[in-house]
Amino acid sequence: METTLKGQVALVTGGTKGIGQAIADRLNDRGAQVVVTARNAPEENPKGHHFIAADLTTADAAATVAQEILAAYGRIDIIVNNAGANLSPGGGFNSLDDEHWLNDWQLNFMSVVRMNKALLPTMISQKGGVVINISTGAAKLPLWEMTMSYSAAKSALNTYSKALANELGPQGIRVNVVSPGLVKTTLMMDFIENIADSSNVPADQVFQSIMDKVGVPIGRMADPEEIAGLVAFLASSEARYITGINYSVDGGAFPAV
């Protein structure tokens, strides 16, 4: 398979830990020059990714990131919008105030819209590029007691991504979505610990209740590298006829084909 990305410049937002780090490392291994963003610099950067500090919930951050990438490399070939998180408390609609909804909206939706708007004109001038937006299985199967505002923001991301794919396809730019299910990351384990602490229930019991609620036929969480493999494929020329698709990587949790 021709999956080399040599000579290409890739941006991975939220690329210093978890799924983002795994994606950045995989793209690097395929030959891409990888730029990663996060609010804070990583303690370790063994692959030597170009790091840009950015809080993508703010309106100006995307323009700053784009300017630094284009000043350094003069092009952008791959955008992986991975930055995102479930920022709000559980408990359903009555536990969420305006600030919770707006925080999830800024991080999980508007950060993507702004980042793409800042870099897509360059892709259009290049007559090619790939955008991969990282969503979540919870956008299709929301857990009202844990992910209501997060799921709603990611659902909007899915719709936006399809519209963007339809608009940009004629200009040689592919847009796809990857929707992980439960992934074993530090953020996920912290999420479980927080629920355990707030409900005075052992963490392993919380983990099992989430697994039972979601229903994962494979019976385990994914490793971040298992998400990264699909992203690397979609970024490559092997996927050159694939656009406008939302891929579930959830161990079979979604109950329909």
Protein backbone atom coordinates (compact mmCIF):
# COMPACT_ATOMS: atom_id res chain seq x y z
CA MET A 1 0.00 0.00 0.00
CA GLU A 2 1.22 3.46 -0.91
CA THR A 3 0.67 5.28 2.37
CA THR A 4 3.70 7.52 2.45
CA LEU A 5 3.08 11.13 3.43
CA LYS A 6 6.62 12.30 2.71
CA GLY A 7 6.79 16.00 1.89
CA GLN A 8 3.36 16.75 3.33
CA VAL A 9 2.60 19.10 6.22
CA ALA A 10 0.05 17.90 8.76
CA LEU A 11 -1.62 19.72 11.64
CA VAL A 12 -3.01 17.72 14.57
CA THR A 13 -4.87 19.84 17.11
CA GLY A 14 -4.79 18.50 20.64
CA GLY A 15 -1.81 16.50 19.45
CA THR A 16 0.27 16.17 22.60
CA LYS A 17 -1.53 13.35 24.40
CA GLY A 18 -4.02 10.53 23.96
CA ILE A 19 -5.57 10.01 20.54
CA GLY A 20 -3.98 13.19 19.18
CA GLN A 21 -0.47 12.13 20.12
CA ALA A 22 -1.01 8.70 18.59
CA ILE A 23 -2.22 10.32 15.35
CA ALA A 24 0.67 12.78 15.26
CA ASP A 25 3.20 10.00 15.81
CA ARG A 26 1.64 7.81 13.10
CA LEU A 27 1.64 10.63 10.54
CA ASN A 28 5.25 11.38 11.46
CA ASP A 29 6.16 7.73 10.93
CA ARG A 30 4.59 7.93 7.46
CA GLY A 31 6.90 10.82 6.58
CA ALA A 32 4.81 13.92 7.23
CA GLN A 33 6.08 17.08 8.88
CA VAL A 34 3.72 17.21 11.87
CA VAL A 35 2.58 20.32 13.70
CA VAL A 36 0.70 19.85 16.97
CA THR A 37 -1.24 22.26 19.14
CA ALA A 38 -2.27 22.22 22.78
CA ARG A 39 -2.66 24.79 25.52
CA ASN A 40 0.58 23.70 27.16
CA ALA A 41 3.81 22.27 25.79
CA PRO A 42 4.21 18.51 26.28
CA GLU A 43 6.65 17.25 28.88
CA GLU A 44 8.12 14.97 26.21
CA ASN A 45 8.19 15.28 22.42
CA PRO A 46 10.22 12.26 21.25
CA LYS A 47 9.17 12.57 17.61
CA GLY A 48 10.13 16.25 17.49
CA HIS A 49 6.77 17.56 16.34
CA HIS A 50 6.54 21.30 15.73
CA PHE A 51 4.56 22.51 18.75
CA ILE A 52 2.37 25.62 18.77
CA ALA A 53 0.72 26.71 22.01
CA ALA A 54 -2.92 27.56 21.36
CA ASP A 55 -6.21 27.69 23.20
CA LEU A 56 -8.57 26.89 20.35
CA THR A 57 -11.63 27.94 22.32
CA THR A 58 -10.59 31.55 21.65
CA ALA A 59 -11.47 33.31 18.42
CA ASP A 60 -7.93 34.41 17.49
CA ALA A 61 -6.04 31.18 18.14
CA ALA A 62 -6.75 29.50 14.81
CA ALA A 63 -5.41 32.47 12.84
CA THR A 64 -2.24 32.46 14.94
CA VAL A 65 -1.69 28.73 14.34
CA ALA A 66 -2.30 29.09 10.61
CA GLN A 67 0.10 32.01 10.30
CA GLU A 68 2.91 30.10 12.03
CA ILE A 69 2.40 26.99 9.90
CA LEU A 70 2.36 28.89 6.64
CA ALA A 71 5.34 31.04 7.65
CA ALA A 72 7.36 27.93 8.49
CA TYR A 73 6.33 25.59 5.66
CA GLY A 74 4.36 27.57 3.09
CA ARG A 75 1.69 24.90 2.75
CA ILE A 76 -0.76 22.64 4.59
CA ASP A 77 -1.79 19.23 3.31
CA ILE A 78 -3.55 17.51 6.20
CA ILE A 79 -5.68 18.96 8.99
CA VAL A 80 -6.70 16.63 11.81
CA ASN A 81 -9.10 18.46 14.10
CA ASN A 82 -8.69 16.31 17.17
CA ALA A 83 -8.91 18.85 20.02
CA GLY A 84 -12.04 18.21 22.05
CA ALA A 85 -13.33 16.99 25.37
CA ASN A 86 -16.47 16.44 27.39
CA LEU A 87 -16.24 19.49 29.63
CA SER A 88 -19.61 19.37 31.33
CA PRO A 89 -20.93 17.58 34.41
CA GLY A 90 -23.21 14.59 34.19
CA GLY A 91 -26.74 14.44 35.47
CA GLY A 92 -28.84 15.44 32.45
CA PHE A 93 -30.35 18.68 31.25
CA ASN A 94 -30.95 20.22 34.66
CA SER A 95 -27.26 19.95 35.59
CA LEU A 96 -26.19 22.07 32.62
CA ASP A 97 -26.22 25.85 32.51
CA ASP A 98 -25.45 28.19 29.60
CA GLU A 99 -21.74 28.18 30.36
CA HIS A 100 -21.53 24.39 30.11
CA TRP A 101 -23.26 24.38 26.73
CA LEU A 102 -21.12 27.23 25.40
CA ASN A 103 -17.84 25.69 26.61
CA ASP A 104 -18.58 22.41 24.86
CA TRP A 105 -19.68 24.28 21.74
CA GLN A 106 -16.50 26.39 21.58
CA LEU A 107 -14.10 23.48 22.05
CA ASN A 108 -15.84 20.72 20.14
CA PHE A 109 -17.38 22.67 17.26
CA MET A 110 -16.24 26.26 16.82
CA SER A 111 -12.55 25.39 17.22
CA VAL A 112 -12.87 23.15 14.16
CA VAL A 113 -14.82 25.70 12.13
CA ARG A 114 -12.22 28.40 12.85
CA MET A 115 -9.19 26.17 12.21
CA ASN A 116 -10.56 25.01 8.88
CA LYS A 117 -11.51 28.53 7.83
CA ALA A 118 -7.98 29.73 8.57
CA LEU A 119 -6.24 27.01 6.53
CA LEU A 120 -8.67 25.92 3.81
CA PRO A 121 -7.91 28.88 1.51
CA THR A 122 -4.34 27.55 1.26
CA MET A 123 -5.59 24.05 0.46
CA ILE A 124 -7.88 25.50 -2.20
CA SER A 125 -4.97 27.36 -3.78
CA GLN A 126 -2.97 24.10 -3.73
CA LYS A 127 -5.94 22.31 -5.37
CA GLY A 128 -5.82 19.52 -2.82
CA GLY A 129 -5.74 18.48 0.81
CA VAL A 130 -7.34 16.32 3.48
CA VAL A 131 -9.41 17.31 6.49
CA ILE A 132 -10.20 14.71 9.16
CA ASN A 133 -12.49 15.77 11.99
CA ILE A 134 -12.43 13.63 15.12
CA SER A 135 -15.94 13.22 16.49
CA THR A 136 -17.37 10.58 18.84
CA GLY A 137 -19.77 7.68 18.83
CA ALA A 138 -21.69 9.59 21.51
CA ALA A 139 -22.84 12.01 18.79
CA LYS A 140 -25.08 9.20 17.50
CA LEU A 141 -25.63 7.40 20.81
CA PRO A 142 -25.65 10.14 23.47
CA LEU A 143 -25.57 9.17 27.12
CA TRP A 144 -27.95 11.73 28.63
CA GLU A 145 -26.51 11.26 32.09
CA MET A 146 -22.91 11.90 30.98
CA THR A 147 -22.48 13.50 27.53
CA MET A 148 -25.52 15.61 26.63
CA SER A 149 -23.87 18.93 25.65
CA TYR A 150 -20.71 17.23 24.33
CA SER A 151 -22.77 14.89 22.16
CA ALA A 152 -24.82 17.78 20.79
CA ALA A 153 -21.70 19.73 19.79
CA LYS A 154 -20.15 16.70 18.10
CA SER A 155 -23.40 15.97 16.28
CA ALA A 156 -23.20 19.46 14.81
CA LEU A 157 -19.60 18.69 13.83
CA ASN A 158 -20.77 15.63 11.90
CA THR A 159 -23.32 17.64 9.91
CA TYR A 160 -20.83 20.44 9.25
CA SER A 161 -18.27 17.89 8.02
CA LYS A 162 -20.67 16.41 5.47
CA ALA A 163 -21.56 19.86 4.16
CA LEU A 164 -17.87 20.78 3.94
CA ALA A 165 -17.08 17.57 2.04
CA ASN A 166 -19.79 18.36 -0.49
CA GLU A 167 -18.52 21.91 -0.96
CA LEU A 168 -14.81 21.09 -1.25
CA GLY A 169 -14.87 17.82 -3.18
CA PRO A 170 -14.84 19.56 -6.58
CA GLN A 171 -11.71 21.45 -5.47
CA GLY A 172 -9.75 18.31 -4.69
CA ILE A 173 -10.14 18.46 -0.90
CA ARG A 174 -11.45 15.45 0.99
CA VAL A 175 -13.25 15.75 4.33
CA ASN A 176 -13.98 12.75 6.54
CA VAL A 177 -14.96 12.08 10.14
CA VAL A 178 -13.59 9.48 12.55
CA SER A 179 -15.84 8.69 15.51
CA PRO A 180 -14.08 6.74 18.25
CA GLY A 181 -16.01 4.90 20.90
CA LEU A 182 -14.45 4.29 24.30
CA VAL A 183 -10.69 4.85 24.10
CA LYS A 184 -8.21 4.20 26.89
CA THR A 185 -6.65 7.62 27.34
CA THR A 186 -5.61 9.62 30.38
CA LEU A 187 -8.61 11.89 29.78
CA MET A 188 -10.99 8.93 29.77
CA MET A 189 -9.50 7.46 32.94
CA ASP A 190 -9.74 10.87 34.65
CA PHE A 191 -13.38 11.07 33.53
CA ILE A 192 -14.09 7.71 35.15
CA GLU A 193 -12.26 8.70 38.34
CA ASN A 194 -14.25 11.94 38.58
CA ILE A 195 -17.53 10.07 38.29
CA ALA A 196 -16.34 7.58 40.89
CA ASP A 197 -15.36 10.34 43.31
CA SER A 198 -18.59 12.30 42.86
CA SER A 199 -20.81 9.24 43.26
CA ASN A 200 -18.73 7.48 45.93
CA VAL A 201 -18.52 4.35 43.76
CA PRO A 202 -15.32 2.38 42.97
CA ALA A 203 -13.73 3.35 39.66
CA ASP A 204 -13.81 -0.20 38.31
CA GLN A 205 -17.55 -0.31 38.95
CA VAL A 206 -18.00 2.98 37.08
CA PHE A 207 -15.92 1.62 34.20
CA GLN A 208 -18.01 -1.53 34.00
CA SER A 209 -21.26 0.42 34.13
CA ILE A 210 -20.09 2.58 31.19
CA MET A 211 -19.07 -0.52 29.22
CA ASP A 212 -22.46 -2.09 29.93
CA LYS A 213 -24.31 1.10 29.03
CA VAL A 214 -22.46 1.56 25.74
CA GLY A 215 -22.34 -2.14 24.90
CA VAL A 216 -18.99 -3.02 23.27
CA PRO A 217 -19.02 -6.47 21.63
CA ILE A 218 -15.22 -6.63 21.52
CA GLY A 219 -15.32 -6.13 25.29
CA ARG A 220 -12.60 -3.55 25.84
CA MET A 221 -11.64 0.06 25.19
CA ALA A 222 -9.65 0.93 22.09
CA ASP A 223 -6.00 1.89 22.27
CA PRO A 224 -5.26 5.35 20.80
CA GLU A 225 -3.07 3.72 18.14
CA GLU A 226 -6.12 1.89 16.80
CA ILE A 227 -7.70 5.24 15.98
CA ALA A 228 -4.47 6.59 14.54
CA GLY A 229 -4.22 3.78 12.00
CA LEU A 230 -7.50 4.73 10.35
CA VAL A 231 -6.63 8.43 10.36
CA ALA A 232 -3.30 7.73 8.65
CA PHE A 233 -5.07 5.69 5.98
CA LEU A 234 -7.64 8.42 5.32
CA ALA A 235 -4.84 10.98 5.03
CA SER A 236 -3.05 8.89 2.41
CA SER A 237 -3.50 8.56 -1.33
CA GLU A 238 -4.97 5.09 -0.75
CA ALA A 239 -8.14 6.88 0.37
CA ARG A 240 -8.23 9.34 -2.54
CA TYR A 241 -11.83 8.44 -3.50
CA ILE A 242 -13.19 8.57 0.05
CA THR A 243 -14.87 11.74 1.26
CA GLY A 244 -17.93 12.73 3.25
CA ILE A 245 -17.89 9.56 5.38
CA ASN A 246 -18.15 9.13 9.15
CA TYR A 247 -16.19 6.11 10.34
CA SER A 248 -17.07 4.49 13.67
CA VAL A 249 -14.16 2.92 15.54
CA ASP A 250 -16.08 1.60 18.52
CA GLY A 251 -15.56 -2.14 18.85
CA GLY A 252 -19.01 -2.77 17.40
CA ALA A 253 -20.93 -0.58 19.85
CA PHE A 254 -23.12 1.16 17.26
CA PRO A 255 -26.16 -1.12 16.90
CA ALA A 256 -26.71 -0.83 13.14
CA VAL A 257 -24.66 -1.44 10.01
